[in-house]
PDB file of N, CA and C in Angstrom:
ATOM      1  N   MET A   1       0.965  -1.228   0.115  1.00  0.00           N
ATOM      2  CA  MET A   1      -0.253  -0.324  -0.279  1.00  0.00           C
ATOM      3  C   MET A   1       1.175   1.183   0.001  1.00  0.00           C
ATOM      4  N   ASP A   2       0.682   2.317  -0.982  1.00  0.00           N
ATOM      5  CA  ASP A   2       1.493   3.516  -1.026  1.00  0.00           C
ATOM      6  C   ASP A   2       1.308   4.468   0.211  1.00  0.00           C
ATOM      7  N   GLN A   3       2.335   4.824   0.568  1.00  0.00           N
ATOM      8  CA  GLN A   3       2.021   5.749   1.886  1.00  0.00           C
ATOM      9  C   GLN A   3       2.118   7.088   1.491  1.00  0.00           C
ATOM     10  N   PRO A   4       0.900   7.992   2.023  1.00  0.00           N
ATOM     11  CA  PRO A   4       0.629   9.525   1.396  1.00  0.00           C
ATOM     12  C   PRO A   4       2.198  10.252   1.186  1.00  0.00           C
ATOM     13  N   SER A   5       1.959  11.491   0.750  1.00  0.00           N
ATOM     14  CA  SER A   5       2.629  12.057   0.568  1.00  0.00           C
ATOM     15  C   SER A   5       2.824  12.812   2.290  1.00  0.00           C
ATOM     16  N   PRO A   6       4.484  13.280   1.920  1.00  0.00           N
ATOM     17  CA  PRO A   6       4.117  14.473   3.527  1.00  0.00           C
ATOM     18  C   PRO A   6       3.294  15.521   2.837  1.00  0.00           C
ATOM     19  N   THR A   7       3.004  16.063   1.818  1.00  0.00           N
ATOM     20  CA  THR A   7       2.187  16.974   1.759  1.00  0.00           C
ATOM     21  C   THR A   7       0.750  16.940   2.008  1.00  0.00           C
ATOM     22  N   ALA A   8       0.515  15.570   1.540  1.00  0.00           N
ATOM     23  CA  ALA A   8      -1.012  15.010   1.475  1.00  0.00           C
ATOM     24  C   ALA A   8      -1.482  14.870   2.834  1.00  0.00           C
ATOM     25  N   ALA A   9      -0.177  14.310   4.106  1.00  0.00           N
ATOM     26  CA  ALA A   9      -0.371  14.079   5.013  1.00  0.00           C
ATOM     27  C   ALA A   9      -0.498  15.369   6.169  1.00  0.00           C
ATOM     28  N   ALA A  10       0.162  16.553   5.921  1.00  0.00           N
ATOM     29  CA  ALA A  10       0.097  17.736   6.194  1.00  0.00           C
ATOM     30  C   ALA A  10      -1.154  18.251   6.268  1.00  0.00           C
ATOM     31  N   ARG A  11      -1.763  18.080   4.782  1.00  0.00           N
ATOM     32  CA  ARG A  11      -3.305  18.859   4.396  1.00  0.00           C
ATOM     33  C   ARG A  11      -4.467  18.094   5.030  1.00  0.00           C
ATOM     34  N   THR A  12      -4.197  16.591   5.840  1.00  0.00           N
ATOM     35  CA  THR A  12      -4.630  16.020   6.502  1.00  0.00           C
ATOM     36  C   THR A  12      -4.960  16.406   7.844  1.00  0.00           C
ATOM     37  N   LEU A  13      -3.905  17.007   8.622  1.00  0.00           N
ATOM     38  CA  LEU A  13      -3.923  17.745   9.563  1.00  0.00           C
ATOM     39  C   LEU A  13      -4.555  18.858   9.876  1.00  0.00           C
ATOM     40  N   VAL A  14      -4.448  19.641   8.708  1.00  0.00           N
ATOM     41  CA  VAL A  14      -4.906  20.758   8.867  1.00  0.00           C
ATOM     42  C   VAL A  14      -6.517  20.684   8.163  1.00  0.00           C
ATOM     43  N   ARG A  15      -7.058  19.831   8.089  1.00  0.00           N
ATOM     44  CA  ARG A  15      -8.390  19.519   7.482  1.00  0.00           C
ATOM     45  C   ARG A  15      -9.642  20.232   8.638  1.00  0.00           C
ATOM     46  N   HIS A  16      -9.198  20.569   9.461  1.00  0.00           N
ATOM     47  CA  HIS A  16     -10.236  20.655  10.827  1.00  0.00           C
ATOM     48  C   HIS A  16     -10.100  22.076  11.440  1.00  0.00           C
ATOM     49  N   PHE A  17      -9.089  22.519  10.573  1.00  0.00           N
ATOM     50  CA  PHE A  17      -8.925  24.612  10.672  1.00  0.00           C
ATOM     51  C   PHE A  17     -10.092  25.126  10.012  1.00  0.00           C
ATOM     52  N   GLU A  18     -10.155  26.362  10.233  1.00  0.00           N
ATOM     53  CA  GLU A  18     -10.965  26.992   9.338  1.00  0.00           C
ATOM     54  C   GLU A  18     -10.372  27.168   8.104  1.00  0.00           C
ATOM     55  N   PRO A  19     -11.283  27.774   7.140  1.00  0.00           N
ATOM     56  CA  PRO A  19     -10.845  27.541   5.488  1.00  0.00           C
ATOM     57  C   PRO A  19      -9.595  28.663   5.690  1.00  0.00           C
ATOM     58  N   ASP A  20      -9.804  30.008   6.748  1.00  0.00           N
ATOM     59  CA  ASP A  20      -8.768  30.801   6.309  1.00  0.00           C
ATOM     60  C   ASP A  20      -7.387  30.141   6.749  1.00  0.00           C
ATOM     61  N   VAL A  21      -7.523  29.157   7.589  1.00  0.00           N
ATOM     62  CA  VAL A  21      -6.186  28.502   7.796  1.00  0.00           C
ATOM     63  C   VAL A  21      -5.786  27.492   7.074  1.00  0.00           C
ATOM     64  N   GLN A  22      -6.456  27.109   6.455  1.00  0.00           N
ATOM     65  CA  GLN A  22      -5.964  25.859   5.064  1.00  0.00           C
ATOM     66  C   GLN A  22      -5.526  26.830   3.969  1.00  0.00           C
ATOM     67  N   GLU A  23      -6.379  27.658   3.875  1.00  0.00           N
ATOM     68  CA  GLU A  23      -5.785  28.601   2.604  1.00  0.00           C
ATOM     69  C   GLU A  23      -4.251  28.595   3.002  1.00  0.00           C
ATOM     70  N   ALA A  24      -3.966  29.655   4.097  1.00  0.00           N
ATOM     71  CA  ALA A  24      -2.825  29.749   4.734  1.00  0.00           C
ATOM     72  C   ALA A  24      -1.862  28.737   4.845  1.00  0.00           C
ATOM     73  N   PHE A  25      -2.121  27.847   4.847  1.00  0.00           N
ATOM     74  CA  PHE A  25      -1.150  26.149   4.775  1.00  0.00           C
ATOM     75  C   PHE A  25      -1.113  26.382   3.441  1.00  0.00           C
ATOM     76  N   GLY A  26      -2.026  26.226   2.573  1.00  0.00           N
ATOM     77  CA  GLY A  26      -1.737  26.003   1.045  1.00  0.00           C
ATOM     78  C   GLY A  26      -0.812  27.041   0.433  1.00  0.00           C
ATOM     79  N   ARG A  27      -1.016  28.256   0.960  1.00  0.00           N
ATOM     80  CA  ARG A  27      -0.004  29.300   0.554  1.00  0.00           C
ATOM     81  C   ARG A  27       1.344  28.814   0.652  1.00  0.00           C
ATOM     82  N   PHE A  28       1.354  28.652   2.560  1.00  0.00           N
ATOM     83  CA  PHE A  28       2.582  28.427   2.757  1.00  0.00           C
ATOM     84  C   PHE A  28       3.341  27.179   1.978  1.00  0.00           C
ATOM     85  N   GLN A  29       2.920  26.309   1.764  1.00  0.00           N
ATOM     86  CA  GLN A  29       3.411  24.867   1.282  1.00  0.00           C
ATOM     87  C   GLN A  29       3.866  25.704  -0.261  1.00  0.00           C
ATOM     88  N   SER A  30       3.201  26.361  -0.929  1.00  0.00           N
ATOM     89  CA  SER A  30       3.811  27.106  -2.092  1.00  0.00           C
ATOM     90  C   SER A  30       5.197  27.723  -1.749  1.00  0.00           C
ATOM     91  N   SER A  31       4.734  28.634  -1.219  1.00  0.00           N
ATOM     92  CA  SER A  31       5.567  29.999  -1.273  1.00  0.00           C
ATOM     93  C   SER A  31       6.079  30.351   0.015  1.00  0.00           C
ATOM     94  N   ARG A  32       5.970  29.169   0.994  1.00  0.00           N
ATOM     95  CA  ARG A  32       7.026  29.656   2.553  1.00  0.00           C
ATOM     96  C   ARG A  32       6.946  30.619   3.358  1.00  0.00           C
ATOM     97  N   SER A  33       5.754  31.415   2.727  1.00  0.00           N
ATOM     98  CA  SER A  33       5.879  32.806   3.546  1.00  0.00           C
ATOM     99  C   SER A  33       5.764  32.615   5.243  1.00  0.00           C
ATOM    100  N   PRO A  34       6.590  33.444   5.529  1.00  0.00           N
ATOM    101  CA  PRO A  34       6.726  33.778   7.263  1.00  0.00           C
ATOM    102  C   PRO A  34       5.035  34.317   7.388  1.00  0.00           C
ATOM    103  N   GLU A  35       4.314  35.011   6.810  1.00  0.00           N
ATOM    104  CA  GLU A  35       3.205  35.315   7.131  1.00  0.00           C
ATOM    105  C   GLU A  35       2.215  34.093   7.236  1.00  0.00           C
ATOM    106  N   ASP A  36       1.910  33.396   6.541  1.00  0.00           N
ATOM    107  CA  ASP A  36       1.078  32.424   6.411  1.00  0.00           C
ATOM    108  C   ASP A  36       1.417  31.487   7.987  1.00  0.00           C
ATOM    109  N   ALA A  37       2.799  31.148   7.723  1.00  0.00           N
ATOM    110  CA  ALA A  37       3.308  29.867   8.724  1.00  0.00           C
ATOM    111  C   ALA A  37       2.851  30.748  10.159  1.00  0.00           C
ATOM    112  N   ASN A  38       2.760  32.086  10.424  1.00  0.00           N
ATOM    113  CA  ASN A  38       1.954  32.785  11.591  1.00  0.00           C
ATOM    114  C   ASN A  38       0.723  32.246  11.627  1.00  0.00           C
ATOM    115  N   ILE A  39       0.400  32.580  10.483  1.00  0.00           N
ATOM    116  CA  ILE A  39      -1.279  32.230  10.761  1.00  0.00           C
ATOM    117  C   ILE A  39      -1.794  30.629  11.433  1.00  0.00           C
ATOM    118  N   VAL A  40      -0.854  29.910  10.776  1.00  0.00           N
ATOM    119  CA  VAL A  40      -1.145  28.519  10.944  1.00  0.00           C
ATOM    120  C   VAL A  40      -0.520  27.834  12.545  1.00  0.00           C
ATOM    121  N   VAL A  41       0.523  28.436  12.697  1.00  0.00           N
ATOM    122  CA  VAL A  41       1.053  28.646  14.119  1.00  0.00           C
ATOM    123  C   VAL A  41      -0.068  28.793  15.056  1.00  0.00           C
ATOM    124  N   LEU A  42      -0.604  29.947  15.037  1.00  0.00           N
ATOM    125  CA  LEU A  42      -1.863  30.613  15.910  1.00  0.00           C
ATOM    126  C   LEU A  42      -2.630  29.817  16.256  1.00  0.00           C
ATOM    127  N   ALA A  43      -3.304  28.983  14.912  1.00  0.00           N
ATOM    128  CA  ALA A  43      -4.306  28.201  14.710  1.00  0.00           C
ATOM    129  C   ALA A  43      -3.929  27.155  15.735  1.00  0.00           C
ATOM    130  N   VAL A  44      -2.517  26.716  15.497  1.00  0.00           N
ATOM    131  CA  VAL A  44      -2.589  25.728  16.888  1.00  0.00           C
ATOM    132  C   VAL A  44      -2.199  25.862  17.566  1.00  0.00           C
ATOM    133  N   VAL A  45      -1.572  27.000  18.171  1.00  0.00           N
ATOM    134  CA  VAL A  45      -2.044  27.172  19.590  1.00  0.00           C
ATOM    135  C   VAL A  45      -3.593  26.692  19.775  1.00  0.00           C
ATOM    136  N   ARG A  46      -4.304  27.961  19.224  1.00  0.00           N
ATOM    137  CA  ARG A  46      -5.961  27.820  19.938  1.00  0.00           C
ATOM    138  C   ARG A  46      -6.181  26.573  19.939  1.00  0.00           C
ATOM    139  N   ASP A  47      -5.582  26.115  19.057  1.00  0.00           N
ATOM    140  CA  ASP A  47      -6.309  24.080  18.675  1.00  0.00           C
ATOM    141  C   ASP A  47      -6.280  23.470  20.089  1.00  0.00           C
ATOM    142  N   HIS A  48      -5.036  23.699  20.716  1.00  0.00           N
ATOM    143  CA  HIS A  48      -4.564  23.200  21.806  1.00  0.00           C
ATOM    144  C   HIS A  48      -4.758  23.836  22.960  1.00  0.00           C
ATOM    145  N   ALA A  49      -4.969  24.988  23.131  1.00  0.00           N
ATOM    146  CA  ALA A  49      -5.098  25.961  24.079  1.00  0.00           C
ATOM    147  C   ALA A  49      -6.032  25.480  24.802  1.00  0.00           C
ATOM    148  N   PRO A  50      -6.089  25.189  26.455  1.00  0.00           N
ATOM    149  CA  PRO A  50      -7.118  24.889  27.295  1.00  0.00           C
ATOM    150  C   PRO A  50      -8.423  26.262  27.278  1.00  0.00           C
ATOM    151  N   ASP A  51      -8.075  27.093  26.879  1.00  0.00           N
ATOM    152  CA  ASP A  51      -8.912  28.334  26.485  1.00  0.00           C
ATOM    153  C   ASP A  51      -8.824  29.082  25.390  1.00  0.00           C
ATOM    154  N   PRO A  52      -9.227  28.672  23.939  1.00  0.00           N
ATOM    155  CA  PRO A  52      -8.734  28.916  22.855  1.00  0.00           C
ATOM    156  C   PRO A  52      -9.100  30.103  22.537  1.00  0.00           C
ATOM    157  N   ALA A  53     -10.163  30.729  23.164  1.00  0.00           N
ATOM    158  CA  ALA A  53     -10.226  32.534  22.740  1.00  0.00           C
ATOM    159  C   ALA A  53      -9.375  33.136  23.216  1.00  0.00           C
ATOM    160  N   ALA A  54      -8.583  32.750  24.229  1.00  0.00           N
ATOM    161  CA  ALA A  54      -7.756  33.578  25.029  1.00  0.00           C
ATOM    162  C   ALA A  54      -5.886  34.087  24.163  1.00  0.00           C
ATOM    163  N   ALA A  55      -6.048  33.014  23.134  1.00  0.00           N
ATOM    164  CA  ALA A  55      -4.814  32.648  22.066  1.00  0.00           C
ATOM    165  C   ALA A  55      -5.334  33.808  21.215  1.00  0.00           C
ATOM    166  N   THR A  56      -4.710  34.872  21.272  1.00  0.00           N
ATOM    167  CA  THR A  56      -5.083  36.120  19.943  1.00  0.00           C
ATOM    168  C   THR A  56      -3.794  36.499  19.104  1.00  0.00           C
ATOM    169  N   ALA A  57      -4.024  36.772  17.989  1.00  0.00           N
ATOM    170  CA  ALA A  57      -2.918  36.853  17.090  1.00  0.00           C
ATOM    171  C   ALA A  57      -2.013  38.451  17.911  1.00  0.00           C
ATOM    172  N   ASP A  58      -3.148  39.066  18.339  1.00  0.00           N
ATOM    173  CA  ASP A  58      -2.658  40.639  19.181  1.00  0.00           C
ATOM    174  C   ASP A  58      -1.521  40.282  20.440  1.00  0.00           C
ATOM    175  N   HIS A  59      -1.365  39.295  21.395  1.00  0.00           N
ATOM    176  CA  HIS A  59      -1.063  39.274  22.140  1.00  0.00           C
ATOM    177  C   HIS A  59      -0.315  38.078  22.275  1.00  0.00           C
ATOM    178  N   ASP A  60       0.898  38.396  21.181  1.00  0.00           N
ATOM    179  CA  ASP A  60       2.073  37.357  21.185  1.00  0.00           C
ATOM    180  C   ASP A  60       3.028  37.185  22.562  1.00  0.00           C
ATOM    181  N   ASP A  61       2.728  38.280  23.544  1.00  0.00           N
ATOM    182  CA  ASP A  61       3.523  38.250  24.908  1.00  0.00           C
ATOM    183  C   ASP A  61       2.661  37.585  25.871  1.00  0.00           C
ATOM    184  N   LEU A  62       1.478  36.723  25.624  1.00  0.00           N
ATOM    185  CA  LEU A  62       0.932  35.787  26.286  1.00  0.00           C
ATOM    186  C   LEU A  62       1.755  34.554  26.558  1.00  0.00           C
ATOM    187  N   SER A  63       1.783  34.243  27.856  1.00  0.00           N
ATOM    188  CA  SER A  63       3.053  33.294  27.963  1.00  0.00           C
ATOM    189  C   SER A  63       1.932  31.679  28.075  1.00  0.00           C
ATOM    190  N   LEU A  64       2.504  30.657  27.398  1.00  0.00           N
ATOM    191  CA  LEU A  64       1.708  29.515  27.463  1.00  0.00           C
ATOM    192  C   LEU A  64       1.238  28.595  28.418  1.00  0.00           C
ATOM    193  N   ILE A  65       2.319  29.014  29.424  1.00  0.00           N
ATOM    194  CA  ILE A  65       1.865  28.264  30.327  1.00  0.00           C
ATOM    195  C   ILE A  65       1.125  29.459  31.511  1.00  0.00           C
ATOM    196  N   ASN A  66       2.148  30.510  32.098  1.00  0.00           N
ATOM    197  CA  ASN A  66       0.568  31.322  33.119  1.00  0.00           C
ATOM    198  C   ASN A  66      -0.405  31.601  32.575  1.00  0.00           C
ATOM    199  N   ASP A  67      -0.601  32.511  31.282  1.00  0.00           N
ATOM    200  CA  ASP A  67      -1.600  32.925  30.404  1.00  0.00           C
ATOM    201  C   ASP A  67      -2.419  32.196  29.856  1.00  0.00           C
ATOM    202  N   LEU A  68      -1.772  30.990  29.467  1.00  0.00           N
ATOM    203  CA  LEU A  68      -2.978  30.495  28.599  1.00  0.00           C
ATOM    204  C   LEU A  68      -3.466  28.980  29.280  1.00  0.00           C
ATOM    205  N   ASN A  69      -2.433  28.873  30.173  1.00  0.00           N
ATOM    206  CA  ASN A  69      -2.489  27.528  31.484  1.00  0.00           C
ATOM    207  C   ASN A  69      -2.227  26.143  30.455  1.00  0.00           C
ATOM    208  N   PHE A  70      -1.413  26.266  29.622  1.00  0.00           N
ATOM    209  CA  PHE A  70      -1.381  25.020  29.216  1.00  0.00           C
ATOM    210  C   PHE A  70      -0.030  24.150  30.050  1.00  0.00           C
ATOM    211  N   ASP A  71      -0.214  22.778  30.296  1.00  0.00           N
ATOM    212  CA  ASP A  71       0.410  22.048  30.846  1.00  0.00           C
ATOM    213  C   ASP A  71       1.652  21.415  29.790  1.00  0.00           C
ATOM    214  N   SER A  72       2.772  20.428  30.534  1.00  0.00           N
ATOM    215  CA  SER A  72       3.946  20.023  29.694  1.00  0.00           C
ATOM    216  C   SER A  72       3.099  18.884  28.911  1.00  0.00           C
ATOM    217  N   VAL A  73       2.370  18.549  28.844  1.00  0.00           N
ATOM    218  CA  VAL A  73       1.122  17.307  27.842  1.00  0.00           C
ATOM    219  C   VAL A  73       1.075  17.895  26.920  1.00  0.00           C
ATOM    220  N   THR A  74       0.374  19.161  27.310  1.00  0.00           N
ATOM    221  CA  THR A  74      -0.193  20.065  26.064  1.00  0.00           C
ATOM    222  C   THR A  74       1.088  20.606  25.138  1.00  0.00           C
ATOM    223  N   ILE A  75       1.877  20.856  25.529  1.00  0.00           N
ATOM    224  CA  ILE A  75       2.774  21.609  25.301  1.00  0.00           C
ATOM    225  C   ILE A  75       3.594  20.366  24.199  1.00  0.00           C
ATOM    226  N   ALA A  76       4.021  19.474  24.795  1.00  0.00           N
ATOM    227  CA  ALA A  76       4.400  18.187  23.963  1.00  0.00           C
ATOM    228  C   ALA A  76       3.612  18.000  22.717  1.00  0.00           C
ATOM    229  N   GLU A  77       2.476  17.793  23.075  1.00  0.00           N
ATOM    230  CA  GLU A  77       1.548  17.494  21.986  1.00  0.00           C
ATOM    231  C   GLU A  77       1.671  18.838  20.716  1.00  0.00           C
ATOM    232  N   MET A  78       0.952  19.563  21.352  1.00  0.00           N
ATOM    233  CA  MET A  78       1.243  20.968  20.217  1.00  0.00           C
ATOM    234  C   MET A  78       2.572  20.987  19.734  1.00  0.00           C
ATOM    235  N   VAL A  79       4.063  20.470  20.299  1.00  0.00           N
ATOM    236  CA  VAL A  79       5.402  20.278  19.445  1.00  0.00           C
ATOM    237  C   VAL A  79       5.025  19.179  18.321  1.00  0.00           C
ATOM    238  N   PHE A  80       4.479  18.098  18.719  1.00  0.00           N
ATOM    239  CA  PHE A  80       4.280  17.267  17.625  1.00  0.00           C
ATOM    240  C   PHE A  80       3.804  17.680  16.842  1.00  0.00           C
ATOM    241  N   PHE A  81       2.712  18.065  16.792  1.00  0.00           N
ATOM    242  CA  PHE A  81       1.477  18.583  15.924  1.00  0.00           C
ATOM    243  C   PHE A  81       2.306  19.355  14.639  1.00  0.00           C
ATOM    244  N   ILE A  82       3.018  20.661  15.776  1.00  0.00           N
ATOM    245  CA  ILE A  82       4.017  21.355  14.820  1.00  0.00           C
ATOM    246  C   ILE A  82       5.183  20.698  13.828  1.00  0.00           C
ATOM    247  N   GLU A  83       5.672  19.688  14.729  1.00  0.00           N
ATOM    248  CA  GLU A  83       6.747  18.878  13.527  1.00  0.00           C
ATOM    249  C   GLU A  83       6.195  18.227  12.629  1.00  0.00           C
ATOM    250  N   ASP A  84       5.243  17.571  12.851  1.00  0.00           N
ATOM    251  CA  ASP A  84       4.503  16.709  11.425  1.00  0.00           C
ATOM    252  C   ASP A  84       4.050  17.696  10.761  1.00  0.00           C
ATOM    253  N   LEU A  85       3.474  18.902  10.795  1.00  0.00           N
ATOM    254  CA  LEU A  85       2.671  19.760   9.822  1.00  0.00           C
ATOM    255  C   LEU A  85       3.577  20.621   9.301  1.00  0.00           C
ATOM    256  N   PHE A  86       4.758  20.929   9.953  1.00  0.00           N
ATOM    257  CA  PHE A  86       5.593  21.942   8.992  1.00  0.00           C
ATOM    258  C   PHE A  86       7.026  20.796   8.814  1.00  0.00           C
ATOM    259  N   GLU A  87       7.057  19.561   9.146  1.00  0.00           N
ATOM    260  CA  GLU A  87       7.921  18.734   8.945  1.00  0.00           C
ATOM    261  C   GLU A  87       9.520  19.246   9.139  1.00  0.00           C
ATOM    262  N   ILE A  88       9.524  19.524  10.435  1.00  0.00           N
ATOM    263  CA  ILE A  88      10.759  19.886  11.180  1.00  0.00           C
ATOM    264  C   ILE A  88      11.025  19.038  12.304  1.00  0.00           C
ATOM    265  N   ARG A  89      11.902  19.383  13.032  1.00  0.00           N
ATOM    266  CA  ARG A  89      12.454  18.794  14.385  1.00  0.00           C
ATOM    267  C   ARG A  89      12.653  19.528  15.202  1.00  0.00           C
ATOM    268  N   ILE A  90      11.757  19.603  16.632  1.00  0.00           N
ATOM    269  CA  ILE A  90      12.496  20.350  17.488  1.00  0.00           C
ATOM    270  C   ILE A  90      12.829  19.697  18.847  1.00  0.00           C
ATOM    271  N   SER A  91      13.732  20.240  19.162  1.00  0.00           N
ATOM    272  CA  SER A  91      14.728  19.506  20.566  1.00  0.00           C
ATOM    273  C   SER A  91      13.917  19.943  21.699  1.00  0.00           C
ATOM    274  N   ASN A  92      14.251  18.983  22.721  1.00  0.00           N
ATOM    275  CA  ASN A  92      13.280  19.504  23.858  1.00  0.00           C
ATOM    276  C   ASN A  92      14.379  21.100  24.485  1.00  0.00           C
ATOM    277  N   ALA A  93      15.682  20.898  24.301  1.00  0.00           N
ATOM    278  CA  ALA A  93      16.435  21.899  24.485  1.00  0.00           C
ATOM    279  C   ALA A  93      15.879  23.343  23.756  1.00  0.00           C
ATOM    280  N   GLU A  94      15.312  23.168  22.625  1.00  0.00           N
ATOM    281  CA  GLU A  94      14.741  24.449  21.976  1.00  0.00           C
ATOM    282  C   GLU A  94      13.017  24.607  22.472  1.00  0.00           C
ATOM    283  N   VAL A  95      12.390  23.652  22.914  1.00  0.00           N
ATOM    284  CA  VAL A  95      11.106  23.573  23.874  1.00  0.00           C
ATOM    285  C   VAL A  95      11.089  24.561  25.178  1.00  0.00           C
ATOM    286  N   VAL A  96      12.273  24.310  25.680  1.00  0.00           N
ATOM    287  CA  VAL A  96      12.220  25.030  26.962  1.00  0.00           C
ATOM    288  C   VAL A  96      12.142  26.484  26.973  1.00  0.00           C
ATOM    289  N   ARG A  97      12.991  26.633  25.624  1.00  0.00           N
ATOM    290  CA  ARG A  97      13.167  28.149  25.328  1.00  0.00           C
ATOM    291  C   ARG A  97      11.690  29.022  25.031  1.00  0.00           C
ATOM    292  N   LEU A  98      10.893  28.290  24.642  1.00  0.00           N
ATOM    293  CA  LEU A  98       9.532  29.049  24.119  1.00  0.00           C
ATOM    294  C   LEU A  98       8.723  29.374  25.380  1.00  0.00           C
ATOM    295  N   HIS A  99       8.627  30.378  25.623  1.00  0.00           N
ATOM    296  CA  HIS A  99       7.771  30.688  26.825  1.00  0.00           C
ATOM    297  C   HIS A  99       6.135  31.449  26.297  1.00  0.00           C
ATOM    298  N   THR A 100       6.162  32.489  25.126  1.00  0.00           N
ATOM    299  CA  THR A 100       5.120  33.069  24.686  1.00  0.00           C
ATOM    300  C   THR A 100       4.323  32.438  23.472  1.00  0.00           C
ATOM    301  N   ILE A 101       3.681  32.755  23.145  1.00  0.00           N
ATOM    302  CA  ILE A 101       3.246  32.825  21.435  1.00  0.00           C
ATOM    303  C   ILE A 101       4.075  33.361  20.569  1.00  0.00           C
ATOM    304  N   GLY A 102       4.279  34.577  20.905  1.00  0.00           N
ATOM    305  CA  GLY A 102       5.643  35.038  20.683  1.00  0.00           C
ATOM    306  C   GLY A 102       6.886  34.215  19.813  1.00  0.00           C
ATOM    307  N   ASP A 103       7.437  33.966  20.973  1.00  0.00           N
ATOM    308  CA  ASP A 103       8.134  33.050  20.913  1.00  0.00           C
ATOM    309  C   ASP A 103       8.231  31.691  20.181  1.00  0.00           C
ATOM    310  N   LEU A 104       7.068  30.809  20.157  1.00  0.00           N
ATOM    311  CA  LEU A 104       6.735  30.186  19.161  1.00  0.00           C
ATOM    312  C   LEU A 104       6.463  30.267  18.109  1.00  0.00           C
ATOM    313  N   ARG A 105       5.836  31.606  17.807  1.00  0.00           N
ATOM    314  CA  ARG A 105       5.701  31.457  16.353  1.00  0.00           C
ATOM    315  C   ARG A 105       7.490  32.480  16.057  1.00  0.00           C
ATOM    316  N   ASN A 106       7.700  32.895  16.117  1.00  0.00           N
ATOM    317  CA  ASN A 106       9.103  33.087  15.778  1.00  0.00           C
ATOM    318  C   ASN A 106       9.992  32.199  15.653  1.00  0.00           C
ATOM    319  N   PHE A 107       9.869  31.378  16.630  1.00  0.00           N
ATOM    320  CA  PHE A 107      11.028  29.826  16.618  1.00  0.00           C
ATOM    321  C   PHE A 107      10.514  29.241  15.270  1.00  0.00           C
ATOM    322  N   VAL A 108       9.239  28.683  15.118  1.00  0.00           N
ATOM    323  CA  VAL A 108       8.703  28.028  13.951  1.00  0.00           C
ATOM    324  C   VAL A 108       9.203  29.009  12.439  1.00  0.00           C
ATOM    325  N   ARG A 109       8.916  30.091  12.473  1.00  0.00           N
ATOM    326  CA  ARG A 109       9.544  31.205  11.551  1.00  0.00           C
ATOM    327  C   ARG A 109      10.928  30.729  11.043  1.00  0.00           C
ATOM    328  N   ASP A 110      11.516  31.081  12.346  1.00  0.00           N
ATOM    329  CA  ASP A 110      13.102  30.909  11.788  1.00  0.00           C
ATOM    330  C   ASP A 110      13.331  29.271  11.468  1.00  0.00           C
ATOM    331  N   LYS A 111      12.838  28.520  12.342  1.00  0.00           N
ATOM    332  CA  LYS A 111      13.220  26.907  11.798  1.00  0.00           C
ATOM    333  C   LYS A 111      12.801  26.848  10.821  1.00  0.00           C
ATOM    334  N   LEU A 112      11.561  27.511   9.911  1.00  0.00           N
ATOM    335  CA  LEU A 112      11.317  27.315   8.526  1.00  0.00           C
ATOM    336  C   LEU A 112      12.024  27.801   7.464  1.00  0.00           C
ATOM    337  N   THR A 113      12.667  29.056   7.582  1.00  0.00           N
ATOM    338  CA  THR A 113      13.594  29.842   6.950  1.00  0.00           C
ATOM    339  C   THR A 113      14.809  29.096   6.963  1.00  0.00           C
ATOM    340  N   SER A 114      14.911  28.880   7.763  1.00  0.00           N
ATOM    341  CA  SER A 114      16.327  27.829   8.205  1.00  0.00           C
ATOM    342  C   SER A 114      16.287  25.962   7.223  1.00  0.00           C
ATOM    343  N   SER A 115      15.088  25.715   7.036  1.00  0.00           N
ATOM    344  CA  SER A 115      14.864  24.223   6.543  1.00  0.00           C
ATOM    345  C   SER A 115      14.824  24.405   5.109  1.00  0.00           C
ATOM    346  N   PRO A 116      15.502  23.238   4.185  1.00  0.00           N
ATOM    347  CA  PRO A 116      14.837  23.680   2.801  1.00  0.00           C
ATOM    348  C   PRO A 116      13.733  22.836   2.573  1.00  0.00           C
ATOM    349  N   ALA A 117      12.637  23.620   1.572  1.00  0.00           N
ATOM    350  CA  ALA A 117      11.570  23.261   0.974  1.00  0.00           C
ATOM    351  C   ALA A 117      11.715  21.901   1.145  1.00  0.00           C
ATOM    352  N   SER A 118      10.782  21.037   1.718  1.00  0.00           N
ATOM    353  CA  SER A 118      10.684  19.566   1.252  1.00  0.00           C
ATOM    354  C   SER A 118      10.015  19.432  -0.170  1.00  0.00           C
TER     355      SER A 118
END
């Protein structure tokens, strides 16, 4: 049996997001636009947040743990999702440096710009 392509697998991961997020992910796959990656990362944060309404684009300074009440398991799940979605690897040492929504968005954007497109 044939395995789905990484692109097809990633598209499966985003199918439950709102259409604008799915569109941003599609654009990201072709252009690797940091702005589109930011939209998708914020959607992933909201999707994993105990209170999704609290995770907003205009509050990059919100702490994942103190403000959004993420626990270590939820952060790990979110990181695994981001790794699968963007086909990147994030080490434990990198995760512990991510404290806010902005830290996460900047980190993913930087990781993506330093990684070749698949």
